[in-house]
Amino acid sequence: MRELWVRIVAGITGALVLLLALAFAGLQSPPTPVAAPAMPAAALPPALVGAGHAVYEAQGCAMCHAIAGEGNPRYPLDGVGGRRDAAELRDWILATGAAEEALPARAARMKQDYRALAGSELDALVAYMKSLTDRPPGEGER
């Protein structure tokens, strides 16, 4: 009888160790989300990119961000179109999704004002950000 209990306890312990190992592995290596196919910057309509630049200017985005050295150098946007897909850019502009949690509270509150933009303005701004694929010379990946 004693041998039976030892086998049962050993089996339960082994199963528990296996489950804990799988849970730990899952936490350390979460599955990577499947990104939407990226639209190459060359495929973006120039009129839409130009309209997005106009929205960038009208909204005063350069007070917080810089592009090609113009604006606030603390948060440059050079190359952002190569690092983020359109959905991520939209989240960062509107402070929604994962960006809402990553942004400081003050920045997230300020970005919530962009939720009042018309859909066409927001689409144009995202297209403009997506077109920013070049980095200044000497700047590495962040």
Protein backbone atom coordinates (compact mmCIF):
# COMPACT_ATOMS: atom_id res chain seq x y z
CA MET A 1 0.00 0.00 0.00
CA ARG A 2 2.83 2.32 0.90
CA GLU A 3 4.47 1.75 -2.51
CA LEU A 4 1.20 2.70 -4.25
CA TRP A 5 1.04 6.02 -2.39
CA VAL A 6 4.67 6.77 -3.29
CA ARG A 7 3.90 6.20 -6.96
CA ILE A 8 0.78 8.39 -6.81
CA VAL A 9 2.62 11.24 -5.07
CA ALA A 10 5.56 10.94 -7.50
CA GLY A 11 3.18 11.03 -10.48
CA ILE A 12 1.29 14.08 -9.16
CA THR A 13 4.57 15.84 -8.36
CA GLY A 14 5.93 15.15 -11.85
CA ALA A 15 2.74 16.41 -13.49
CA LEU A 16 2.80 19.56 -11.33
CA VAL A 17 6.45 20.25 -12.23
CA LEU A 18 5.64 19.78 -15.92
CA LEU A 19 2.66 22.16 -15.75
CA LEU A 20 4.70 24.80 -13.91
CA ALA A 21 7.51 24.50 -16.48
CA LEU A 22 5.03 24.97 -19.36
CA ALA A 23 3.40 27.94 -17.63
CA PHE A 24 6.79 29.57 -17.01
CA ALA A 25 7.87 28.99 -20.61
CA GLY A 26 4.62 30.54 -21.84
CA LEU A 27 5.16 33.63 -19.70
CA GLN A 28 8.74 34.05 -20.85
CA SER A 29 7.95 33.60 -24.56
CA PRO A 30 4.46 34.88 -25.32
CA PRO A 31 3.22 34.12 -28.84
CA THR A 32 4.05 36.88 -31.30
CA PRO A 33 0.99 38.53 -32.81
CA VAL A 34 0.56 38.28 -36.54
CA ALA A 35 0.98 41.76 -37.99
CA ALA A 36 -1.09 43.05 -40.86
CA PRO A 37 0.84 43.17 -44.11
CA ALA A 38 2.80 46.40 -44.25
CA MET A 39 2.13 48.81 -47.05
CA PRO A 40 5.44 49.98 -48.51
CA ALA A 41 6.01 53.71 -48.21
CA ALA A 42 6.31 53.92 -51.99
CA ALA A 43 2.73 52.59 -52.32
CA LEU A 44 1.26 55.38 -50.16
CA PRO A 45 -0.69 57.92 -52.22
CA PRO A 46 1.29 61.19 -52.31
CA ALA A 47 -1.89 63.24 -51.86
CA LEU A 48 -2.74 61.32 -48.67
CA VAL A 49 0.80 61.73 -47.32
CA GLY A 50 0.65 65.46 -48.10
CA ALA A 51 -2.70 65.76 -46.34
CA GLY A 52 -1.17 63.95 -43.34
CA HIS A 53 1.71 66.41 -43.26
CA ALA A 54 -0.86 69.23 -43.21
CA VAL A 55 -2.64 67.59 -40.24
CA TYR A 56 0.75 67.19 -38.48
CA GLU A 57 1.39 70.91 -38.94
CA ALA A 58 -2.16 72.01 -38.02
CA GLN A 59 -2.19 69.95 -34.82
CA GLY A 60 1.18 71.35 -33.69
CA CYS A 61 2.76 67.91 -33.41
CA ALA A 62 6.23 69.50 -33.69
CA MET A 63 5.79 70.88 -30.17
CA CYS A 64 6.39 67.33 -28.88
CA HIS A 65 8.01 65.57 -31.86
CA ALA A 66 10.74 66.20 -34.42
CA ILE A 67 11.08 65.11 -38.03
CA ALA A 68 14.39 65.60 -39.84
CA GLY A 69 15.63 67.75 -36.96
CA GLU A 70 12.66 70.14 -37.04
CA GLY A 71 10.62 70.32 -33.86
CA ASN A 72 11.17 69.01 -30.35
CA PRO A 73 14.22 66.72 -30.52
CA ARG A 74 13.16 64.78 -27.42
CA TYR A 75 10.76 62.53 -29.37
CA PRO A 76 11.94 62.20 -32.99
CA LEU A 77 9.67 60.45 -35.47
CA ASP A 78 12.32 59.78 -38.11
CA GLY A 79 12.01 56.17 -39.26
CA VAL A 80 8.80 55.48 -37.31
CA GLY A 81 7.09 54.20 -40.47
CA GLY A 82 9.64 51.41 -40.71
CA ARG A 83 9.31 50.40 -37.07
CA ARG A 84 5.52 50.36 -36.65
CA ASP A 85 2.62 49.19 -38.78
CA ALA A 86 -0.41 51.40 -39.47
CA ALA A 87 -2.47 49.97 -36.59
CA GLU A 88 0.36 50.62 -34.11
CA LEU A 89 0.81 54.15 -35.42
CA ARG A 90 -2.91 54.80 -34.96
CA ASP A 91 -2.69 53.47 -31.39
CA TRP A 92 0.26 55.75 -30.60
CA ILE A 93 -1.46 58.79 -32.13
CA LEU A 94 -4.70 58.18 -30.20
CA ALA A 95 -3.14 56.69 -27.03
CA THR A 96 -5.17 53.49 -27.33
CA GLY A 97 -4.31 49.81 -27.08
CA ALA A 98 -0.81 48.95 -25.90
CA ALA A 99 0.35 52.54 -26.42
CA GLU A 100 -2.06 53.80 -23.76
CA GLU A 101 -0.29 51.70 -21.15
CA ALA A 102 3.22 52.53 -22.44
CA LEU A 103 2.75 56.30 -22.55
CA PRO A 104 3.17 58.51 -19.49
CA ALA A 105 -0.23 59.57 -18.11
CA ARG A 106 0.21 63.20 -19.18
CA ALA A 107 1.11 62.26 -22.76
CA ALA A 108 -1.81 59.82 -22.96
CA ARG A 109 -4.23 62.55 -21.82
CA MET A 110 -2.84 64.98 -24.40
CA LYS A 111 -3.10 62.43 -27.21
CA GLN A 112 -6.74 61.69 -26.38
CA ASP A 113 -7.58 65.05 -28.00
CA TYR A 114 -6.67 63.49 -31.36
CA ARG A 115 -9.66 61.19 -31.03
CA ALA A 116 -11.74 64.16 -32.19
CA LEU A 117 -9.99 64.18 -35.59
CA ALA A 118 -12.13 63.25 -38.56
CA GLY A 119 -11.50 59.73 -39.85
CA SER A 120 -9.98 61.08 -43.07
CA GLU A 121 -7.60 63.34 -41.12
CA LEU A 122 -6.51 60.47 -38.91
CA ASP A 123 -6.00 58.20 -41.93
CA ALA A 124 -3.91 60.90 -43.59
CA LEU A 125 -1.81 61.41 -40.43
CA VAL A 126 -1.20 57.66 -40.18
CA ALA A 127 -0.16 57.59 -43.86
CA TYR A 128 2.25 60.47 -43.25
CA MET A 129 3.78 58.68 -40.24
CA LYS A 130 4.00 55.47 -42.30
CA SER A 131 5.92 57.39 -44.97
CA LEU A 132 8.64 58.31 -42.46
CA THR A 133 10.94 55.38 -43.07
CA ASP A 134 14.29 57.14 -43.31
CA ARG A 135 16.50 57.81 -40.30
CA PRO A 136 18.99 60.63 -39.96
CA PRO A 137 22.57 59.54 -40.79
CA GLY A 138 24.28 57.81 -37.87
CA GLU A 139 21.10 57.05 -35.93
CA GLY A 140 20.82 53.43 -34.82
CA GLU A 141 17.78 51.31 -33.99
CA ARG A 142 16.15 52.12 -30.69
